[in-house]
């Protein structure tokens, strides 16, 4: 090979090396750029996860307090969201045979026209409404922070061995770049809360089973009040000695009234 051929090969080799070095530099820039983007996205995703965790913790705390208040309201109205079928006996009502007033309002759960039929309230519906009212108030407080908007009237509730509240509509938060704050996506989920509470409505359900049975079995007996006293669980307080009987149920912390029809004795005046 002559000298010109050697010089050409050397120049070609140098050019190839320069091109490879330039290509390597460009590839390194691309990799570093991708690393920055991926790192930013990872950081943004981690931030959104932290924001979601904050929301979940807030919802859990709000649910715990809302349930307590909701159950107190259910107790205060003796389980009835609306008016009971037999009306309400006021706290100052004095029943036959009693020397002192009731001291608390009692929901009358039957009528003189249908004394054997007990009206049972929609307990879950009532609890759901007052629970959501409580959650709405907490949602308003959270909205004041200006970070996340929580949907109103959003929870379905299930009262079993534990109290479960599940959101119907999702909570949505923006995923943003850390430095620029530019949104790059959204994360949505439906919060749910399980509280280790025994069935908060069970005392009412048990009470209405007893009331329904007593209304039938103590109808048309000579002394309805005495019949009632013999058929209710221990711990229940029975007031009245005539046809109107009030029952104070300790587990439900509520008072219920029954209007019973005594036996009509032929020939009695």
C-alpha atoms as a PDB file:
ATOM      1  CA  UNK A   1       0.000   0.000   0.000  1.00  0.00           C
ATOM      2  CA  UNK A   2       1.412   3.405  -0.940  1.00  0.00           C
ATOM      3  CA  UNK A   3       1.646   6.401   1.388  1.00  0.00           C
ATOM      4  CA  UNK A   4      -1.507   8.045   0.031  1.00  0.00           C
ATOM      5  CA  UNK A   5      -3.519   4.951   0.849  1.00  0.00           C
ATOM      6  CA  UNK A   6      -2.133   4.894   4.381  1.00  0.00           C
ATOM      7  CA  UNK A   7      -2.930   8.579   4.928  1.00  0.00           C
ATOM      8  CA  UNK A   8      -6.469   8.012   3.689  1.00  0.00           C
ATOM      9  CA  UNK A   9      -7.009   5.084   6.062  1.00  0.00           C
ATOM     10  CA  UNK A  10      -5.702   7.133   9.001  1.00  0.00           C
ATOM     11  CA  UNK A  11      -7.998  10.054   8.173  1.00  0.00           C
ATOM     12  CA  UNK A  12     -10.944   7.697   7.801  1.00  0.00           C
ATOM     13  CA  UNK A  13     -10.207   6.088  11.135  1.00  0.00           C
ATOM     14  CA  UNK A  14      -9.929   9.497  12.824  1.00  0.00           C
ATOM     15  CA  UNK A  15     -13.262  10.565  11.278  1.00  0.00           C
ATOM     16  CA  UNK A  16     -14.940   7.398  12.475  1.00  0.00           C
ATOM     17  CA  UNK A  17     -13.593   7.911  16.002  1.00  0.00           C
ATOM     18  CA  UNK A  18     -14.808  11.528  16.020  1.00  0.00           C
ATOM     19  CA  UNK A  19     -18.273  10.451  14.830  1.00  0.00           C
ATOM     20  CA  UNK A  20     -18.457   7.753  17.479  1.00  0.00           C
ATOM     21  CA  UNK A  21     -17.448  10.214  20.178  1.00  0.00           C
ATOM     22  CA  UNK A  22     -20.082  12.714  18.990  1.00  0.00           C
ATOM     23  CA  UNK A  23     -22.712   9.972  18.868  1.00  0.00           C
ATOM     24  CA  UNK A  24     -21.788   8.854  22.357  1.00  0.00           C
ATOM     25  CA  UNK A  25     -22.098  12.404  23.677  1.00  0.00           C
ATOM     26  CA  UNK A  26     -25.542  12.814  22.092  1.00  0.00           C
ATOM     27  CA  UNK A  27     -26.706   9.485  23.436  1.00  0.00           C
ATOM     28  CA  UNK A  28     -25.513  10.442  26.914  1.00  0.00           C
ATOM     29  CA  UNK A  29     -27.455  13.707  26.706  1.00  0.00           C
ATOM     30  CA  UNK A  30     -30.565  11.780  25.635  1.00  0.00           C
ATOM     31  CA  UNK A  31     -30.174   9.299  28.470  1.00  0.00           C
ATOM     32  CA  UNK A  32     -29.668  12.059  31.008  1.00  0.00           C
ATOM     33  CA  UNK A  33     -32.700  13.896  29.638  1.00  0.00           C
ATOM     34  CA  UNK A  34     -34.810  10.759  29.889  1.00  0.00           C
ATOM     35  CA  UNK A  35     -33.561  10.198  33.413  1.00  0.00           C
ATOM     36  CA  UNK A  36     -34.615  13.701  34.385  1.00  0.00           C
ATOM     37  CA  UNK A  37     -38.083  13.219  32.861  1.00  0.00           C
ATOM     38  CA  UNK A  38     -38.513   9.803  34.444  1.00  0.00           C
ATOM     39  CA  UNK A  39     -37.237  11.135  37.747  1.00  0.00           C
ATOM     40  CA  UNK A  40     -39.670  14.039  37.605  1.00  0.00           C
ATOM     41  CA  UNK A  41     -42.553  11.696  36.814  1.00  0.00           C
ATOM     42  CA  UNK A  42     -41.558   9.347  39.617  1.00  0.00           C
ATOM     43  CA  UNK A  43     -41.371  12.235  42.054  1.00  0.00           C
ATOM     44  CA  UNK A  44     -44.724  13.561  40.857  1.00  0.00           C
ATOM     45  CA  UNK A  45     -46.255  10.107  41.229  1.00  0.00           C
ATOM     46  CA  UNK A  46     -44.833   9.774  44.734  1.00  0.00           C
ATOM     47  CA  UNK A  47     -46.244  13.184  45.612  1.00  0.00           C
ATOM     48  CA  UNK A  48     -49.672  12.199  44.306  1.00  0.00           C
ATOM     49  CA  UNK A  49     -49.506   9.012  46.371  1.00  0.00           C
ATOM     50  CA  UNK A  50     -48.706  11.102  49.445  1.00  0.00           C
ATOM     51  CA  UNK A  51     -51.624  13.435  48.635  1.00  0.00           C
ATOM     52  CA  UNK A  52     -53.930  10.437  48.280  1.00  0.00           C
ATOM     53  CA  UNK A  53     -52.770   9.079  51.627  1.00  0.00           C
ATOM     54  CA  UNK A  54     -53.527  12.441  53.250  1.00  0.00           C
ATOM     55  CA  UNK A  55     -57.043  12.380  51.805  1.00  0.00           C
ATOM     56  CA  UNK A  56     -57.616   8.805  52.973  1.00  0.00           C
ATOM     57  CA  UNK A  57     -56.483   9.655  56.505  1.00  0.00           C
ATOM     58  CA  UNK A  58     -58.722  12.722  56.563  1.00  0.00           C
ATOM     59  CA  UNK A  59     -61.722  10.735  55.298  1.00  0.00           C
ATOM     60  CA  UNK A  60     -61.129   8.022  57.896  1.00  0.00           C
ATOM     61  CA  UNK A  61     -61.056  10.520  60.748  1.00  0.00           C
ATOM     62  CA  UNK A  62     -64.072  12.395  59.392  1.00  0.00           C
ATOM     63  CA  UNK A  63     -66.005   9.133  59.072  1.00  0.00           C
ATOM     64  CA  UNK A  64     -65.294   8.147  62.660  1.00  0.00           C
ATOM     65  CA  UNK A  65     -66.611  11.428  64.061  1.00  0.00           C
ATOM     66  CA  UNK A  66     -69.516  11.592  61.579  1.00  0.00           C
ATOM     67  CA  UNK A  67     -70.672   8.109  62.589  1.00  0.00           C
ATOM     68  CA  UNK A  68     -70.692   9.013  66.273  1.00  0.00           C
ATOM     69  CA  UNK A  69     -72.796  12.110  65.659  1.00  0.00           C
ATOM     70  CA  UNK A  70     -75.051  10.290  63.207  1.00  0.00           C
ATOM     71  CA  UNK A  71     -75.853   7.511  65.655  1.00  0.00           C
ATOM     72  CA  UNK A  72     -76.613  10.022  68.404  1.00  0.00           C
ATOM     73  CA  UNK A  73     -79.096  11.692  66.050  1.00  0.00           C
ATOM     74  CA  UNK A  74     -80.689   8.349  65.202  1.00  0.00           C
ATOM     75  CA  UNK A  75     -81.045   7.627  68.923  1.00  0.00           C
ATOM     76  CA  UNK A  76     -82.457  11.085  69.655  1.00  0.00           C
ATOM     77  CA  UNK A  77     -85.245  10.494  67.115  1.00  0.00           C
ATOM     78  CA  UNK A  78     -85.840   6.907  68.241  1.00  0.00           C
ATOM     79  CA  UNK A  79     -84.734   5.642  64.835  1.00  0.00           C
ATOM     80  CA  UNK A  80     -87.338   7.585  62.829  1.00  0.00           C
ATOM     81  CA  UNK A  81     -86.226  10.040  60.178  1.00  0.00           C
ATOM     82  CA  UNK A  82     -89.798  11.250  59.708  1.00  0.00           C
ATOM     83  CA  UNK A  83     -92.853  11.143  61.939  1.00  0.00           C
ATOM     84  CA  UNK A  84     -93.737   7.727  63.408  1.00  0.00           C
ATOM     85  CA  UNK A  85     -97.068   6.272  62.303  1.00  0.00           C
ATOM     86  CA  UNK A  86     -98.581   6.797  65.750  1.00  0.00           C
ATOM     87  CA  UNK A  87     -97.053  10.200  66.350  1.00  0.00           C
ATOM     88  CA  UNK A  88     -94.833  11.199  69.277  1.00  0.00           C
ATOM     89  CA  UNK A  89     -95.539  11.339  72.980  1.00  0.00           C
ATOM     90  CA  UNK A  90     -93.829  14.402  74.398  1.00  0.00           C
ATOM     91  CA  UNK A  91     -91.507  14.224  77.382  1.00  0.00           C
ATOM     92  CA  UNK A  92     -94.106  15.802  79.677  1.00  0.00           C
ATOM     93  CA  UNK A  93     -96.824  13.240  78.887  1.00  0.00           C
ATOM     94  CA  UNK A  94     -98.172  11.330  81.909  1.00  0.00           C
ATOM     95  CA  UNK A  95     -99.513   7.862  81.096  1.00  0.00           C
ATOM     96  CA  UNK A  96    -102.363   6.136  82.960  1.00  0.00           C
ATOM     97  CA  UNK A  97    -101.174   4.826  86.293  1.00  0.00           C
ATOM     98  CA  UNK A  98     -98.074   7.012  86.301  1.00  0.00           C
ATOM     99  CA  UNK A  99     -97.412   9.898  88.658  1.00  0.00           C
ATOM    100  CA  UNK A 100     -94.485  11.357  86.753  1.00  0.00           C
ATOM    101  CA  UNK A 101     -94.097  12.383  83.107  1.00  0.00           C
ATOM    102  CA  UNK A 102     -92.099  10.281  80.675  1.00  0.00           C
ATOM    103  CA  UNK A 103     -89.126  12.617  80.795  1.00  0.00           C
ATOM    104  CA  UNK A 104     -88.287  12.006  77.147  1.00  0.00           C
ATOM    105  CA  UNK A 105     -90.062  11.896  73.814  1.00  0.00           C
ATOM    106  CA  UNK A 106     -91.311   8.482  72.728  1.00  0.00           C
ATOM    107  CA  UNK A 107     -92.032   7.342  69.168  1.00  0.00           C
ATOM    108  CA  UNK A 108     -95.459   5.691  68.998  1.00  0.00           C
ATOM    109  CA  UNK A 109     -95.032   2.724  66.689  1.00  0.00           C
ATOM    110  CA  UNK A 110     -98.650   1.650  66.109  1.00  0.00           C
ATOM    111  CA  UNK A 111    -102.097   3.191  65.806  1.00  0.00           C
ATOM    112  CA  UNK A 112    -105.451   2.505  67.512  1.00  0.00           C
ATOM    113  CA  UNK A 113    -106.892   1.565  64.115  1.00  0.00           C
ATOM    114  CA  UNK A 114    -104.156  -1.043  63.477  1.00  0.00           C
ATOM    115  CA  UNK A 115    -102.787  -1.844  66.925  1.00  0.00           C
ATOM    116  CA  UNK A 116    -101.110  -5.098  65.871  1.00  0.00           C
ATOM    117  CA  UNK A 117     -99.094  -3.487  63.064  1.00  0.00           C
ATOM    118  CA  UNK A 118     -95.829  -1.877  64.125  1.00  0.00           C
ATOM    119  CA  UNK A 119     -94.266   0.707  61.816  1.00  0.00           C
ATOM    120  CA  UNK A 120     -90.548   0.045  61.394  1.00  0.00           C
ATOM    121  CA  UNK A 121     -88.306   2.966  60.364  1.00  0.00           C
ATOM    122  CA  UNK A 122     -85.824   2.937  57.480  1.00  0.00           C
ATOM    123  CA  UNK A 123     -82.828   2.846  59.774  1.00  0.00           C
ATOM    124  CA  UNK A 124     -80.091   2.500  57.149  1.00  0.00           C
ATOM    125  CA  UNK A 125     -81.534   5.325  55.059  1.00  0.00           C
ATOM    126  CA  UNK A 126     -81.674   7.597  58.103  1.00  0.00           C
ATOM    127  CA  UNK A 127     -78.133   6.701  59.147  1.00  0.00           C
ATOM    128  CA  UNK A 128     -76.850   7.252  55.592  1.00  0.00           C
ATOM    129  CA  UNK A 129     -78.360  10.721  55.377  1.00  0.00           C
ATOM    130  CA  UNK A 130     -77.067  12.025  58.696  1.00  0.00           C
ATOM    131  CA  UNK A 131     -73.671  10.378  58.150  1.00  0.00           C
ATOM    132  CA  UNK A 132     -73.319  12.134  54.779  1.00  0.00           C
ATOM    133  CA  UNK A 133     -74.344  15.426  56.344  1.00  0.00           C
ATOM    134  CA  UNK A 134     -71.419  15.050  58.728  1.00  0.00           C
ATOM    135  CA  UNK A 135     -69.039  14.093  55.925  1.00  0.00           C
ATOM    136  CA  UNK A 136     -70.206  17.127  53.930  1.00  0.00           C
ATOM    137  CA  UNK A 137     -69.176  19.440  56.748  1.00  0.00           C
ATOM    138  CA  UNK A 138     -65.722  17.892  56.849  1.00  0.00           C
ATOM    139  CA  UNK A 139     -65.484  18.105  53.051  1.00  0.00           C
ATOM    140  CA  UNK A 140     -66.130  21.848  53.292  1.00  0.00           C
ATOM    141  CA  UNK A 141     -63.330  22.188  55.826  1.00  0.00           C
ATOM    142  CA  UNK A 142     -60.969  20.235  53.577  1.00  0.00           C
ATOM    143  CA  UNK A 143     -61.919  22.330  50.537  1.00  0.00           C
ATOM    144  CA  UNK A 144     -60.757  25.435  52.401  1.00  0.00           C
ATOM    145  CA  UNK A 145     -57.216  24.127  52.065  1.00  0.00           C
ATOM    146  CA  UNK A 146     -57.595  24.560  48.312  1.00  0.00           C
ATOM    147  CA  UNK A 147     -55.945  21.252  47.426  1.00  0.00           C
ATOM    148  CA  UNK A 148     -58.607  18.621  46.798  1.00  0.00           C
ATOM    149  CA  UNK A 149     -62.363  18.856  46.336  1.00  0.00           C
ATOM    150  CA  UNK A 150     -64.262  16.016  47.998  1.00  0.00           C
ATOM    151  CA  UNK A 151     -67.666  15.100  46.469  1.00  0.00           C
ATOM    152  CA  UNK A 152     -70.737  15.821  48.607  1.00  0.00           C
ATOM    153  CA  UNK A 153     -73.382  13.271  49.644  1.00  0.00           C
ATOM    154  CA  UNK A 154     -70.995  10.651  48.377  1.00  0.00           C
ATOM    155  CA  UNK A 155     -71.108   7.680  50.728  1.00  0.00           C
ATOM    156  CA  UNK A 156     -73.093   4.495  50.756  1.00  0.00           C
ATOM    157  CA  UNK A 157     -73.098   2.878  54.191  1.00  0.00           C
ATOM    158  CA  UNK A 158     -73.321  -0.704  55.377  1.00  0.00           C
ATOM    159  CA  UNK A 159     -73.869  -1.478  59.053  1.00  0.00           C
ATOM    160  CA  UNK A 160     -72.889  -5.068  59.760  1.00  0.00           C
ATOM    161  CA  UNK A 161     -70.233  -6.562  62.005  1.00  0.00           C
ATOM    162  CA  UNK A 162     -68.299  -3.425  61.106  1.00  0.00           C
ATOM    163  CA  UNK A 163     -69.409  -0.084  59.756  1.00  0.00           C
ATOM    164  CA  UNK A 164     -68.428   0.355  56.100  1.00  0.00           C
ATOM    165  CA  UNK A 165     -68.678   3.584  54.105  1.00  0.00           C
ATOM    166  CA  UNK A 166     -67.857   3.486  50.379  1.00  0.00           C
ATOM    167  CA  UNK A 167     -67.651   6.528  48.098  1.00  0.00           C
ATOM    168  CA  UNK A 168     -69.937   6.460  45.072  1.00  0.00           C
ATOM    169  CA  UNK A 169     -67.999   9.079  43.083  1.00  0.00           C
ATOM    170  CA  UNK A 170     -64.194   9.191  42.898  1.00  0.00           C
ATOM    171  CA  UNK A 171     -61.902  11.756  44.426  1.00  0.00           C
ATOM    172  CA  UNK A 172     -59.648  13.167  41.687  1.00  0.00           C
ATOM    173  CA  UNK A 173     -56.276  14.848  42.246  1.00  0.00           C
ATOM    174  CA  UNK A 174     -53.833  16.306  39.702  1.00  0.00           C
ATOM    175  CA  UNK A 175     -50.389  14.815  39.229  1.00  0.00           C
ATOM    176  CA  UNK A 176     -48.026  17.792  38.775  1.00  0.00           C
ATOM    177  CA  UNK A 177     -44.366  18.315  38.013  1.00  0.00           C
ATOM    178  CA  UNK A 178     -42.491  19.248  41.131  1.00  0.00           C
ATOM    179  CA  UNK A 179     -40.770  22.448  40.031  1.00  0.00           C
ATOM    180  CA  UNK A 180     -43.121  23.821  37.393  1.00  0.00           C
ATOM    181  CA  UNK A 181     -46.382  22.613  38.898  1.00  0.00           C
ATOM    182  CA  UNK A 182     -47.609  21.738  35.410  1.00  0.00           C
ATOM    183  CA  UNK A 183     -50.240  18.950  35.481  1.00  0.00           C
ATOM    184  CA  UNK A 184     -49.103  15.778  33.722  1.00  0.00           C
ATOM    185  CA  UNK A 185     -52.070  13.572  34.628  1.00  0.00           C
ATOM    186  CA  UNK A 186     -54.717  12.734  37.209  1.00  0.00           C
ATOM    187  CA  UNK A 187     -55.304  10.072  39.830  1.00  0.00           C
ATOM    188  CA  UNK A 188     -58.826   9.079  40.854  1.00  0.00           C
ATOM    189  CA  UNK A 189     -60.086   6.611  43.429  1.00  0.00           C
ATOM    190  CA  UNK A 190     -63.133   5.941  45.593  1.00  0.00           C
ATOM    191  CA  UNK A 191     -62.249   6.151  49.300  1.00  0.00           C
ATOM    192  CA  UNK A 192     -63.697   3.538  51.614  1.00  0.00           C
ATOM    193  CA  UNK A 193     -63.647   3.344  55.385  1.00  0.00           C
ATOM    194  CA  UNK A 194     -64.171   0.300  57.594  1.00  0.00           C
ATOM    195  CA  UNK A 195     -64.671   1.136  61.262  1.00  0.00           C
ATOM    196  CA  UNK A 196     -64.423  -1.652  63.847  1.00  0.00           C
ATOM    197  CA  UNK A 197     -67.816  -0.889  65.297  1.00  0.00           C
ATOM    198  CA  UNK A 198     -70.340  -3.515  66.238  1.00  0.00           C
ATOM    199  CA  UNK A 199     -73.560  -3.195  64.263  1.00  0.00           C
ATOM    200  CA  UNK A 200     -74.726   0.236  65.391  1.00  0.00           C
ATOM    201  CA  UNK A 201     -78.271  -0.407  64.162  1.00  0.00           C
ATOM    202  CA  UNK A 202     -78.688  -3.872  65.680  1.00  0.00           C
ATOM    203  CA  UNK A 203     -80.147  -2.625  69.001  1.00  0.00           C
ATOM    204  CA  UNK A 204     -82.942  -0.936  67.019  1.00  0.00           C
ATOM    205  CA  UNK A 205     -83.555  -4.004  64.872  1.00  0.00           C
ATOM    206  CA  UNK A 206     -83.755  -6.186  67.993  1.00  0.00           C
ATOM    207  CA  UNK A 207     -86.100  -3.689  69.651  1.00  0.00           C
ATOM    208  CA  UNK A 208     -88.519  -3.655  66.717  1.00  0.00           C
ATOM    209  CA  UNK A 209     -88.624  -7.438  66.625  1.00  0.00           C
ATOM    210  CA  UNK A 210     -89.735  -7.389  70.262  1.00  0.00           C
ATOM    211  CA  UNK A 211     -92.202  -4.553  69.677  1.00  0.00           C
ATOM    212  CA  UNK A 212     -93.766  -6.350  66.706  1.00  0.00           C
ATOM    213  CA  UNK A 213     -94.224  -9.522  68.728  1.00  0.00           C
ATOM    214  CA  UNK A 214     -95.585  -7.742  71.807  1.00  0.00           C
ATOM    215  CA  UNK A 215     -98.087  -5.713  69.746  1.00  0.00           C
ATOM    216  CA  UNK A 216     -99.636  -8.974  68.541  1.00  0.00           C
ATOM    217  CA  UNK A 217     -99.396 -11.079  71.688  1.00  0.00           C
ATOM    218  CA  UNK A 218    -100.647  -8.354  74.052  1.00  0.00           C
ATOM    219  CA  UNK A 219    -103.551  -7.265  71.878  1.00  0.00           C
ATOM    220  CA  UNK A 220    -106.972  -8.017  73.327  1.00  0.00           C
ATOM    221  CA  UNK A 221    -105.751  -9.245  76.717  1.00  0.00           C
ATOM    222  CA  UNK A 222    -107.381  -8.080  79.975  1.00  0.00           C
ATOM    223  CA  UNK A 223    -104.391  -6.020  81.138  1.00  0.00           C
ATOM    224  CA  UNK A 224    -102.106  -5.112  78.178  1.00  0.00           C
ATOM    225  CA  UNK A 225     -99.460  -3.376  80.316  1.00  0.00           C
ATOM    226  CA  UNK A 226     -99.009  -6.473  82.486  1.00  0.00           C
ATOM    227  CA  UNK A 227     -98.698  -8.585  79.340  1.00  0.00           C
ATOM    228  CA  UNK A 228     -96.020  -6.276  77.989  1.00  0.00           C
ATOM    229  CA  UNK A 229     -94.010  -6.423  81.212  1.00  0.00           C
ATOM    230  CA  UNK A 230     -93.979 -10.190  81.025  1.00  0.00           C
ATOM    231  CA  UNK A 231     -92.728 -10.334  77.439  1.00  0.00           C
ATOM    232  CA  UNK A 232     -90.015  -7.709  77.058  1.00  0.00           C
ATOM    233  CA  UNK A 233     -86.331  -8.444  77.795  1.00  0.00           C
ATOM    234  CA  UNK A 234     -84.896  -7.714  81.204  1.00  0.00           C
ATOM    235  CA  UNK A 235     -83.568  -4.200  81.435  1.00  0.00           C
ATOM    236  CA  UNK A 236     -86.425  -2.688  79.459  1.00  0.00           C
ATOM    237  CA  UNK A 237     -88.398  -0.122  81.410  1.00  0.00           C
ATOM    238  CA  UNK A 238     -92.173  -0.274  80.966  1.00  0.00           C
ATOM    239  CA  UNK A 239     -94.292   2.767  81.849  1.00  0.00           C
ATOM    240  CA  UNK A 240     -98.078   2.937  82.085  1.00  0.00           C
ATOM    241  CA  UNK A 241    -100.760   0.583  83.325  1.00  0.00           C
ATOM    242  CA  UNK A 242    -103.531   1.229  80.807  1.00  0.00           C
ATOM    243  CA  UNK A 243    -103.839   0.782  77.068  1.00  0.00           C
ATOM    244  CA  UNK A 244    -100.953   3.174  76.406  1.00  0.00           C
ATOM    245  CA  UNK A 245     -97.560   1.730  77.270  1.00  0.00           C
ATOM    246  CA  UNK A 246     -94.149   3.324  76.906  1.00  0.00           C
ATOM    247  CA  UNK A 247     -91.031   1.175  76.629  1.00  0.00           C
ATOM    248  CA  UNK A 248     -87.558   2.557  77.270  1.00  0.00           C
ATOM    249  CA  UNK A 249     -84.933   0.393  75.553  1.00  0.00           C
ATOM    250  CA  UNK A 250     -81.473   0.786  77.121  1.00  0.00           C
ATOM    251  CA  UNK A 251     -79.387  -0.718  74.286  1.00  0.00           C
ATOM    252  CA  UNK A 252     -80.942   1.606  71.711  1.00  0.00           C
ATOM    253  CA  UNK A 253     -81.232   4.461  74.227  1.00  0.00           C
ATOM    254  CA  UNK A 254     -84.664   5.130  72.823  1.00  0.00           C
ATOM    255  CA  UNK A 255     -88.308   5.176  73.865  1.00  0.00           C
ATOM    256  CA  UNK A 256     -91.223   3.603  72.017  1.00  0.00           C
ATOM    257  CA  UNK A 257     -94.946   3.819  72.636  1.00  0.00           C
ATOM    258  CA  UNK A 258     -97.575   1.146  72.013  1.00  0.00           C
ATOM    259  CA  UNK A 259    -101.321   1.762  71.875  1.00  0.00           C
ATOM    260  CA  UNK A 260    -102.873  -1.533  72.874  1.00  0.00           C
ATOM    261  CA  UNK A 261    -106.508  -2.603  72.912  1.00  0.00           C
ATOM    262  CA  UNK A 262    -107.604  -4.410  76.111  1.00  0.00           C
ATOM    263  CA  UNK A 263    -110.021  -7.311  76.138  1.00  0.00           C
ATOM    264  CA  UNK A 264    -113.635  -6.237  76.176  1.00  0.00           C
ATOM    265  CA  UNK A 265    -115.549  -8.131  78.841  1.00  0.00           C
ATOM    266  CA  UNK A 266    -119.181  -8.640  77.988  1.00  0.00           C
ATOM    267  CA  UNK A 267    -121.560  -7.058  80.413  1.00  0.00           C
ATOM    268  CA  UNK A 268    -118.949  -4.650  81.791  1.00  0.00           C
ATOM    269  CA  UNK A 269    -120.040  -1.078  82.099  1.00  0.00           C
END
